[in-house]
Amino acid sequence: MRKSPRLTWAALAIALLCGACAAPSKDQSAASQPLQMPAAWNGPANPASSLAERPFGAVFKDAELEALIKEALSNNRDLRIAAQRVELARAQWGVQNSARWPSLAADAGATRQQAPSGLSATENLSASSYRLGLAMPAWEIDLWGRIASLSDAALSHLRASEALQHFVEVGLVSQVASGWLNLLEYDQSLQIAERTRVSRAGSLRIVKLRFNAGVVSKVDVTQAETSLAQAEAAYAQLQLKRGLQENALSQLAGRNPGPLRVNKPLSQYELPPALPAGIPSDLLKRRPDVRAAELSLAASRANVDAARKAYLPSISLTGFLGFISPQLSQLLEGDRRAYTVSPSITLPLFSGGRLDSNLQGAQAQQAIALEDYARTTQGALREVEDALLRFQRLREQQAAMQTIVRASQERLRLVDLRYVNGISSYFEVLDSQRQLFDAELQLTQLSSGTYAAVIELYRALGGGWTPQG
């Protein structure tokens, strides 16, 4: 009995309706809530413009530093790995996106079959067939947009990997610049240590002369020798730190460890009078890690949408167009042309909980992505605030330490005069030397830290590498 086409279409409509009813409704509990961005920064900053809008070369004008940054951007291994991750994500998106379109394949084959005919066990039916043409493997018609959602998720992952590559680039520029500042700090500290060592060596000679003249005791000599040895030990420690920093910078630049020489001293760098930071909401557009977290959230939403649509009926289509013949020699004759079109519809009825678990997993991943987006954004806000606060307080400490250095220098000069004239003990000289040495080193560290706060703010605001042109 031949079925009526109306009954067929009616059954199809019922199946689609049942599938639509079986699909779970959207869960609003995982819907994102808008982040509350502050209107202004707590730290002192100019909201009219952002430091990140400037080329990096305009922030720190140093041709040697720019050359090292360019070398790092070309050769750094971590940045190359990030670039390959982008290519991997692009390939994965291409694979997923290809499922939206039918595929064709050249198809050639032969079939030989033998089957019993009638009731006689000795009488067999033999047949052969040959085919040549184009075949379309099973292609799911994306009626509900499930495959499109998976493709959108893969595209969001690709865009997120591109943003993370930019984030690695921004971090690399910051690391190289910070390491370069450390070299400048160590060079200036080494100059202070060398000057102190020469000064204490001169003091030791004077003390020995006074000891030989019977003016002072052996205690003053041993104290002077200890003071000189301490300066030499500090000098060696600074050389060690500088060598380690050279090795770290060489690795960042993608080269083997080797010496790095700088020609511009730390004192010649200029600091802006105030730090322009723009407005907090700019972070959502500039920070590449915030952008990556936002794209990951979009990908998780697309995956949840695809998991819901997996409950709906799927329609697939297979086909063949070419030639079929019982004789290979007659395969390409005109009367052997043939085609087949085979549509099918599948409605999930029982999957052992696979679809439910898949949806629950996608929803959990969406909740994780939402929290990660909020955490990343709040972390970015904190980094900017920390950099603003650090810049302000370090400048205040730097100004106070400059006063301490000047006072310590004057005290040492006066104590030296008093010691030579037999008024002060050598212990006062040693104490004055120690205070001056410590104050000069602290001033150098504070100066370097203030410059480092500018670099940190540039990175925290989402500034990328742009050579000054």
Protein backbone atom coordinates (compact mmCIF):
# COMPACT_ATOMS: atom_id res chain seq x y z
CA MET A 1 0.00 0.00 0.00
CA ARG A 2 1.45 3.33 -1.06
CA LYS A 3 1.64 6.00 1.62
CA SER A 4 0.09 9.36 0.97
CA PRO A 5 2.54 12.30 0.67
CA ARG A 6 0.31 14.26 3.03
CA LEU A 7 0.77 11.63 5.72
CA THR A 8 4.49 11.71 5.19
CA TRP A 9 4.71 15.46 5.58
CA ALA A 10 2.37 15.32 8.55
CA ALA A 11 4.61 12.76 10.25
CA LEU A 12 7.64 14.93 9.53
CA ALA A 13 5.93 18.00 11.00
CA ILE A 14 4.94 16.06 14.12
CA ALA A 15 8.51 14.83 14.56
CA LEU A 16 9.88 18.33 14.27
CA LEU A 17 7.29 19.67 16.69
CA CYS A 18 8.04 16.94 19.22
CA GLY A 19 11.75 17.62 18.92
CA ALA A 20 11.22 21.34 19.44
CA CYS A 21 9.13 20.65 22.52
CA ALA A 22 11.76 18.22 23.84
CA ALA A 23 14.57 20.79 23.62
CA PRO A 24 15.25 22.38 27.00
CA SER A 25 14.44 26.04 27.39
CA LYS A 26 17.14 28.59 27.93
CA ASP A 27 18.47 28.84 31.47
CA GLN A 28 18.70 32.47 32.49
CA SER A 29 20.71 31.71 35.64
CA ALA A 30 23.96 31.76 33.67
CA ALA A 31 23.13 34.98 31.85
CA SER A 32 25.82 37.55 32.25
CA GLN A 33 25.26 40.66 34.29
CA PRO A 34 26.90 43.90 33.24
CA LEU A 35 30.12 44.63 35.09
CA GLN A 36 30.11 47.73 37.24
CA MET A 37 33.03 49.76 35.97
CA PRO A 38 34.14 52.73 38.11
CA ALA A 39 33.72 56.16 36.60
CA ALA A 40 37.21 57.31 37.59
CA TRP A 41 40.44 56.05 39.09
CA ASN A 42 41.18 56.31 42.77
CA GLY A 43 44.79 57.25 42.12
CA PRO A 44 45.80 60.61 40.66
CA ALA A 45 45.50 60.39 36.90
CA ASN A 46 44.50 62.47 33.93
CA PRO A 47 41.29 60.99 32.46
CA ALA A 48 41.44 63.09 29.30
CA SER A 49 43.95 60.78 27.59
CA SER A 50 45.59 57.42 28.09
CA LEU A 51 49.28 56.57 28.27
CA ALA A 52 48.50 53.50 26.18
CA GLU A 53 47.64 55.71 23.20
CA ARG A 54 51.27 56.78 22.87
CA PRO A 55 53.91 54.81 20.98
CA PHE A 56 56.21 53.00 23.37
CA GLY A 57 59.14 54.90 21.93
CA ALA A 58 57.53 58.13 23.15
CA VAL A 59 57.28 56.80 26.71
CA PHE A 60 60.96 55.80 27.00
CA LYS A 61 63.15 57.37 24.36
CA ASP A 62 66.05 54.96 24.06
CA ALA A 63 67.20 53.62 20.71
CA GLU A 64 69.05 50.70 22.32
CA LEU A 65 65.94 49.64 24.22
CA GLU A 66 63.79 49.87 21.10
CA ALA A 67 66.24 47.72 19.16
CA LEU A 68 66.21 45.08 21.90
CA ILE A 69 62.39 45.08 21.98
CA LYS A 70 62.22 44.63 18.22
CA GLU A 71 64.65 41.73 18.47
CA ALA A 72 62.55 40.14 21.20
CA LEU A 73 59.36 40.52 19.17
CA SER A 74 61.04 38.74 16.27
CA ASN A 75 62.79 35.95 18.14
CA ASN A 76 61.06 35.34 21.48
CA ARG A 77 59.99 31.69 21.81
CA ASP A 78 56.89 32.33 23.90
CA LEU A 79 55.60 34.80 21.32
CA ARG A 80 56.25 32.32 18.53
CA ILE A 81 54.33 29.66 20.45
CA ALA A 82 51.43 32.09 20.87
CA ALA A 83 51.47 32.74 17.11
CA GLN A 84 51.31 29.00 16.40
CA ARG A 85 48.39 28.66 18.80
CA VAL A 86 46.58 31.21 16.68
CA GLU A 87 47.25 29.11 13.59
CA LEU A 88 46.01 26.02 15.42
CA ALA A 89 42.80 27.80 16.43
CA ARG A 90 42.35 29.01 12.85
CA ALA A 91 42.68 25.46 11.54
CA GLN A 92 40.21 24.16 14.13
CA TRP A 93 37.72 26.84 13.15
CA GLY A 94 38.17 25.89 9.48
CA VAL A 95 37.42 22.26 10.28
CA GLN A 96 34.32 23.16 12.27
CA ASN A 97 33.07 25.70 9.75
CA SER A 98 33.38 23.21 6.90
CA ALA A 99 30.58 21.13 8.46
CA ARG A 100 28.12 23.84 7.40
CA TRP A 101 28.57 22.94 3.74
CA PRO A 102 28.10 19.71 1.82
CA SER A 103 31.18 17.85 0.64
CA LEU A 104 31.74 16.04 -2.63
CA ALA A 105 34.05 13.14 -3.32
CA ALA A 106 34.99 11.17 -6.38
CA ASP A 107 33.47 7.73 -5.98
CA ALA A 108 34.35 4.57 -7.88
CA GLY A 109 33.57 1.04 -6.89
CA ALA A 110 32.53 -2.43 -7.92
CA THR A 111 30.13 -4.86 -6.30
CA ARG A 112 29.93 -8.62 -6.84
CA GLN A 113 27.17 -10.49 -5.06
CA GLN A 114 25.84 -14.02 -5.08
CA ALA A 115 22.65 -15.08 -3.38
CA PRO A 116 20.44 -18.20 -3.44
CA SER A 117 17.48 -18.10 -5.80
CA GLY A 118 14.25 -19.90 -5.04
CA LEU A 119 14.28 -22.93 -2.81
CA SER A 120 17.03 -24.83 -4.55
CA ALA A 121 20.31 -24.84 -2.69
CA THR A 122 22.23 -25.47 -5.90
CA GLU A 123 20.68 -22.66 -7.91
CA ASN A 124 22.37 -19.29 -7.22
CA LEU A 125 21.82 -15.76 -8.47
CA SER A 126 24.98 -13.84 -9.33
CA ALA A 127 25.22 -10.12 -10.21
CA SER A 128 27.87 -7.46 -10.70
CA SER A 129 27.66 -3.69 -10.70
CA TYR A 130 30.15 -0.91 -11.30
CA ARG A 131 29.82 2.77 -10.42
CA LEU A 132 31.73 5.96 -11.17
CA GLY A 133 30.74 9.49 -10.25
CA LEU A 134 30.44 12.04 -7.48
CA ALA A 135 29.24 11.11 -4.03
CA MET A 136 27.96 13.40 -1.30
CA PRO A 137 28.55 11.88 2.14
CA ALA A 138 25.94 12.40 4.80
CA TRP A 139 25.43 16.15 5.21
CA GLU A 140 23.42 17.50 8.08
CA ILE A 141 21.18 20.35 7.00
CA ASP A 142 21.60 22.98 9.70
CA LEU A 143 17.90 23.61 10.13
CA TRP A 144 18.15 24.84 13.72
CA GLY A 145 21.58 26.49 13.55
CA ARG A 146 23.39 23.97 15.76
CA ILE A 147 26.38 23.64 13.44
CA ALA A 148 26.45 27.41 12.97
CA SER A 149 26.65 27.82 16.75
CA LEU A 150 29.60 25.42 16.92
CA SER A 151 31.28 27.36 14.12
CA ASP A 152 30.67 30.63 15.99
CA ALA A 153 32.22 29.10 19.10
CA ALA A 154 35.31 28.04 17.16
CA LEU A 155 35.58 31.52 15.61
CA SER A 156 35.39 33.13 19.06
CA HIS A 157 38.17 30.81 20.24
CA LEU A 158 40.24 31.93 17.25
CA ARG A 159 39.70 35.60 18.07
CA ALA A 160 40.51 34.89 21.73
CA SER A 161 43.80 33.23 20.76
CA GLU A 162 44.65 36.30 18.64
CA ALA A 163 43.96 38.53 21.65
CA LEU A 164 46.11 36.31 23.86
CA GLN A 165 48.92 36.54 21.32
CA HIS A 166 48.71 40.31 21.62
CA PHE A 167 48.67 39.94 25.41
CA VAL A 168 51.90 37.94 25.26
CA GLU A 169 53.38 40.65 23.06
CA VAL A 170 52.41 43.40 25.51
CA GLY A 171 53.84 41.40 28.40
CA LEU A 172 57.06 40.76 26.48
CA VAL A 173 57.59 44.47 25.80
CA SER A 174 56.99 45.17 29.48
CA GLN A 175 59.42 42.44 30.58
CA VAL A 176 62.18 43.66 28.26
CA ALA A 177 61.72 47.29 29.33
CA SER A 178 61.67 46.34 33.03
CA GLY A 179 64.78 44.19 32.62
CA TRP A 180 66.49 47.04 30.81
CA LEU A 181 65.67 49.37 33.70
CA ASN A 182 67.17 46.82 36.08
CA LEU A 183 70.40 46.94 34.08
CA LEU A 184 70.43 50.72 34.38
CA GLU A 185 69.79 50.45 38.11
CA TYR A 186 72.60 47.93 38.58
CA ASP A 187 75.00 50.05 36.53
CA GLN A 188 74.27 53.11 38.64
CA SER A 189 74.50 51.07 41.84
CA LEU A 190 77.83 49.65 40.68
CA GLN A 191 79.11 53.17 40.17
CA ILE A 192 78.04 54.03 43.71
CA ALA A 193 79.63 50.85 45.06
CA GLU A 194 82.86 51.52 43.17
CA ARG A 195 82.99 55.09 44.43
CA THR A 196 82.33 53.87 47.96
CA ARG A 197 85.00 51.21 47.62
CA VAL A 198 87.58 53.76 46.49
CA SER A 199 86.57 56.10 49.32
CA ARG A 200 86.85 53.38 51.94
CA ALA A 201 90.19 52.24 50.56
CA GLY A 202 91.42 55.80 50.98
CA SER A 203 90.06 55.84 54.53
CA LEU A 204 91.91 52.61 55.26
CA ARG A 205 95.19 54.14 54.11
CA ILE A 206 94.65 57.14 56.36
CA VAL A 207 93.79 54.92 59.33
CA LYS A 208 96.91 52.82 58.76
CA LEU A 209 99.04 55.96 58.65
CA ARG A 210 97.52 57.15 61.89
CA PHE A 211 98.01 53.69 63.40
CA ASN A 212 101.66 53.65 62.38
CA ALA A 213 101.99 57.06 63.95
CA GLY A 214 100.50 55.72 67.18
CA VAL A 215 97.47 57.99 67.00
CA VAL A 216 94.80 55.28 66.75
CA SER A 217 94.54 51.67 67.88
CA LYS A 218 94.44 48.47 65.87
CA VAL A 219 90.65 48.45 66.33
CA ASP A 220 90.27 51.36 63.91
CA VAL A 221 92.34 49.49 61.33
CA THR A 222 90.22 46.35 61.54
CA GLN A 223 87.04 48.43 61.36
CA ALA A 224 88.30 50.18 58.23
CA GLU A 225 89.28 46.85 56.68
CA THR A 226 85.81 45.45 57.45
CA SER A 227 84.13 48.49 55.92
CA LEU A 228 86.18 48.15 52.72
CA ALA A 229 85.41 44.42 52.51
CA GLN A 230 81.71 45.13 52.88
CA ALA A 231 81.83 47.56 49.95
CA GLU A 232 83.68 44.97 47.85
CA ALA A 233 81.11 42.29 48.75
CA ALA A 234 78.27 44.64 47.78
CA TYR A 235 80.03 45.36 44.48
CA ALA A 236 80.34 41.62 43.73
CA GLN A 237 76.69 41.04 44.60
CA LEU A 238 75.59 43.81 42.22
CA GLN A 239 77.74 42.31 39.47
CA LEU A 240 76.02 38.96 40.05
CA LYS A 241 72.57 40.53 39.80
CA ARG A 242 73.53 42.35 36.63
CA GLY A 243 74.87 39.18 35.03
CA LEU A 244 71.69 37.29 35.84
CA GLN A 245 69.62 40.12 34.39
CA GLU A 246 71.72 40.06 31.22
CA ASN A 247 71.01 36.36 30.83
CA ALA A 248 67.28 36.88 31.37
CA LEU A 249 67.13 39.66 28.79
CA SER A 250 69.10 37.56 26.31
CA GLN A 251 66.56 34.77 26.66
CA LEU A 252 63.67 37.19 26.17
CA ALA A 253 65.36 38.40 23.00
CA GLY A 254 65.68 34.84 21.74
CA ARG A 255 69.48 34.83 21.87
CA ASN A 256 72.04 32.89 23.84
CA PRO A 257 73.24 34.42 27.13
CA GLY A 258 75.73 37.19 26.57
CA PRO A 259 76.80 40.63 27.77
CA LEU A 260 74.57 43.67 27.29
CA ARG A 261 75.96 47.16 27.48
CA VAL A 262 73.89 50.30 27.94
CA ASN A 263 75.06 53.80 27.09
CA LYS A 264 72.26 55.91 28.54
CA PRO A 265 72.37 56.23 32.34
CA LEU A 266 69.26 56.02 34.47
CA SER A 267 69.47 59.70 35.40
CA GLN A 268 68.90 60.80 31.80
CA TYR A 269 65.41 59.27 31.56
CA GLU A 270 62.51 61.67 31.87
CA LEU A 271 59.39 61.10 33.92
CA PRO A 272 56.01 62.57 33.02
CA PRO A 273 54.71 65.02 35.64
CA ALA A 274 51.39 63.18 35.77
CA LEU A 275 50.25 59.85 34.39
CA PRO A 276 47.41 59.96 31.88
CA ALA A 277 45.27 56.88 32.41
CA GLY A 278 42.07 57.64 30.51
CA ILE A 279 38.85 56.25 31.92
CA PRO A 280 38.38 52.76 33.43
CA SER A 281 35.98 51.58 30.74
CA ASP A 282 38.78 51.89 28.17
CA LEU A 283 40.23 48.68 29.63
CA LEU A 284 37.39 46.68 28.11
CA LYS A 285 38.56 47.78 24.67
CA ARG A 286 42.33 47.96 25.14
CA ARG A 287 43.32 45.10 27.42
CA PRO A 288 43.91 42.03 25.22
CA ASP A 289 43.40 39.60 28.12
CA VAL A 290 40.03 41.17 28.92
CA ARG A 291 39.10 40.93 25.26
CA ALA A 292 40.20 37.27 25.20
CA ALA A 293 38.08 36.50 28.28
CA GLU A 294 35.10 38.21 26.66
CA LEU A 295 35.53 36.14 23.49
CA SER A 296 35.87 32.94 25.52
CA LEU A 297 32.58 33.84 27.19
CA ALA A 298 30.98 34.31 23.77
CA ALA A 299 32.31 30.91 22.70
CA SER A 300 30.85 29.25 25.78
CA ARG A 301 27.45 30.78 25.06
CA ALA A 302 27.57 29.46 21.51
CA ASN A 303 28.43 25.99 22.84
CA VAL A 304 25.45 26.10 25.22
CA ASP A 305 23.22 27.07 22.29
CA ALA A 306 24.55 24.15 20.24
CA ALA A 307 24.04 21.76 23.18
CA ARG A 308 20.38 22.79 23.44
CA LYS A 309 19.82 22.36 19.71
CA ALA A 310 21.23 18.81 19.88
CA TYR A 311 17.84 17.76 21.32
CA LEU A 312 16.08 18.79 18.09
CA PRO A 313 15.59 16.55 15.06
CA SER A 314 18.42 16.50 12.55
CA ILE A 315 17.95 16.19 8.80
CA SER A 316 20.71 14.59 6.76
CA LEU A 317 21.16 14.24 3.05
CA THR A 318 23.32 11.82 1.04
CA GLY A 319 23.54 11.51 -2.72
CA PHE A 320 25.31 10.13 -5.75
CA LEU A 321 25.59 11.36 -9.33
CA GLY A 322 27.37 9.37 -12.02
CA PHE A 323 27.21 6.10 -13.90
CA ILE A 324 26.18 2.62 -12.83
CA SER A 325 26.48 -0.46 -15.04
CA PRO A 326 26.51 -4.27 -14.69
CA GLN A 327 29.37 -4.35 -17.20
CA LEU A 328 32.59 -2.38 -16.72
CA SER A 329 32.94 -1.87 -20.48
CA GLN A 330 29.51 -0.18 -20.64
CA LEU A 331 29.99 2.06 -17.59
CA LEU A 332 30.37 5.36 -19.46
CA GLU A 333 27.57 4.86 -21.95
CA GLY A 334 24.81 7.44 -21.98
CA ASP A 335 22.06 5.15 -20.76
CA ARG A 336 24.07 4.30 -17.61
CA ARG A 337 23.65 7.71 -15.98
CA ALA A 338 22.18 7.53 -12.50
CA TYR A 339 21.65 9.51 -9.33
CA THR A 340 20.42 8.89 -5.83
CA VAL A 341 19.16 11.33 -3.20
CA SER A 342 18.60 9.99 0.30
CA PRO A 343 17.19 12.37 2.89
CA SER A 344 16.74 11.20 6.47
CA ILE A 345 15.49 12.65 9.72
CA THR A 346 16.68 11.65 13.18
CA LEU A 347 14.97 12.53 16.43
CA PRO A 348 16.88 11.79 19.67
CA LEU A 349 14.73 9.67 21.97
CA PHE A 350 17.24 8.07 24.33
CA SER A 351 20.93 8.82 24.69
CA GLY A 352 21.72 7.46 28.13
CA GLY A 353 21.99 10.99 29.53
CA ARG A 354 24.65 12.05 27.02
CA LEU A 355 22.72 15.08 25.77
CA ASP A 356 21.82 16.20 29.28
CA SER A 357 25.39 15.85 30.47
CA ASN A 358 26.67 17.69 27.41
CA LEU A 359 24.30 20.59 28.10
CA GLN A 360 25.19 20.70 31.78
CA GLY A 361 28.89 20.70 30.94
CA ALA A 362 28.43 23.54 28.44
CA GLN A 363 26.48 25.56 31.01
CA ALA A 364 29.16 24.97 33.63
CA GLN A 365 31.81 26.10 31.16
CA GLN A 366 29.78 29.23 30.48
CA ALA A 367 29.58 29.99 34.22
CA ILE A 368 33.36 29.52 34.48
CA ALA A 369 33.94 31.82 31.50
CA LEU A 370 31.69 34.46 33.03
CA GLU A 371 33.56 34.40 36.32
CA ASP A 372 36.89 34.43 34.49
CA TYR A 373 35.81 37.51 32.52
CA ALA A 374 34.82 39.31 35.72
CA ARG A 375 38.03 38.25 37.47
CA THR A 376 40.21 39.35 34.54
CA THR A 377 38.50 42.73 34.37
CA GLN A 378 38.81 43.32 38.09
CA GLY A 379 42.44 42.25 37.95
CA ALA A 380 43.07 44.78 35.18
CA LEU A 381 41.47 47.53 37.27
CA ARG A 382 43.66 46.62 40.22
CA GLU A 383 46.84 46.62 38.13
CA VAL A 384 46.13 50.15 36.91
CA GLU A 385 45.35 51.36 40.42
CA ASP A 386 48.51 49.68 41.75
CA ALA A 387 50.65 51.34 39.09
CA LEU A 388 49.14 54.77 39.79
CA LEU A 389 49.60 54.35 43.53
CA ARG A 390 53.14 53.01 43.14
CA PHE A 391 54.14 55.93 40.89
CA GLN A 392 52.77 58.51 43.31
CA ARG A 393 54.25 57.04 46.49
CA LEU A 394 57.61 56.17 44.96
CA ARG A 395 58.04 59.73 43.74
CA GLU A 396 57.33 60.97 47.26
CA GLN A 397 59.85 58.49 48.69
CA GLN A 398 62.35 59.49 46.01
CA ALA A 399 62.10 63.15 46.96
CA ALA A 400 62.57 62.32 50.65
CA MET A 401 65.51 60.03 49.91
CA GLN A 402 67.24 62.75 47.89
CA THR A 403 67.14 64.90 51.02
CA ILE A 404 68.55 62.02 53.06
CA VAL A 405 71.40 61.51 50.57
CA ARG A 406 72.37 65.18 50.65
CA ALA A 407 72.26 65.22 54.45
CA SER A 408 74.29 61.99 54.65
CA GLN A 409 76.94 63.37 52.33
CA GLU A 410 77.31 66.47 54.47
CA ARG A 411 77.41 64.42 57.67
CA LEU A 412 80.17 62.18 56.32
CA ARG A 413 82.21 65.21 55.29
CA LEU A 414 81.91 66.73 58.75
CA VAL A 415 82.61 63.47 60.58
CA ASP A 416 85.71 62.88 58.46
CA LEU A 417 87.02 66.31 59.47
CA ARG A 418 86.27 65.64 63.13
CA TYR A 419 88.03 62.26 62.95
CA VAL A 420 91.14 63.71 61.32
CA ASN A 421 91.24 66.36 64.04
CA GLY A 422 90.81 63.71 66.72
CA ILE A 423 87.35 64.85 67.82
CA SER A 424 85.20 61.93 66.57
CA SER A 425 85.81 58.21 66.80
CA TYR A 426 86.23 56.05 63.75
CA PHE A 427 82.94 54.37 64.61
CA GLU A 428 81.14 57.59 63.66
CA VAL A 429 82.95 57.59 60.33
CA LEU A 430 81.91 54.01 59.64
CA ASP A 431 78.32 54.74 60.59
CA SER A 432 78.23 57.79 58.31
CA GLN A 433 79.72 55.80 55.42
CA ARG A 434 77.18 53.03 55.86
CA GLN A 435 74.24 55.44 55.99
CA LEU A 436 75.36 57.27 52.86
CA PHE A 437 75.99 54.06 50.94
CA ASP A 438 72.59 52.62 51.89
CA ALA A 439 70.81 55.90 51.11
CA GLU A 440 72.42 56.19 47.66
CA LEU A 441 71.49 52.61 46.79
CA GLN A 442 67.92 53.14 48.02
CA LEU A 443 67.63 56.32 45.96
CA THR A 444 68.73 54.39 42.87
CA GLN A 445 66.18 51.65 43.58
CA LEU A 446 63.41 54.22 44.09
CA SER A 447 64.31 55.96 40.83
CA SER A 448 64.23 52.68 38.95
CA GLY A 449 60.98 51.70 40.66
CA THR A 450 59.35 54.95 39.60
CA TYR A 451 60.25 54.32 35.97
CA ALA A 452 59.06 50.73 36.36
CA ALA A 453 55.68 52.02 37.58
CA VAL A 454 55.30 53.91 34.30
CA ILE A 455 56.04 50.75 32.33
CA GLU A 456 53.60 48.78 34.47
CA LEU A 457 50.89 51.38 33.92
CA TYR A 458 51.53 51.29 30.17
CA ARG A 459 51.07 47.51 30.20
CA ALA A 460 48.10 47.61 32.59
CA LEU A 461 46.29 50.09 30.35
CA GLY A 462 46.69 47.75 27.38
CA GLY A 463 49.41 49.64 25.55
CA GLY A 464 51.07 47.63 22.84
CA TRP A 465 54.31 47.90 20.99
CA THR A 466 54.22 50.77 18.53
CA PRO A 467 57.54 52.24 17.44
CA GLN A 468 57.76 55.99 17.51
CA GLY A 469 57.36 57.35 14.02
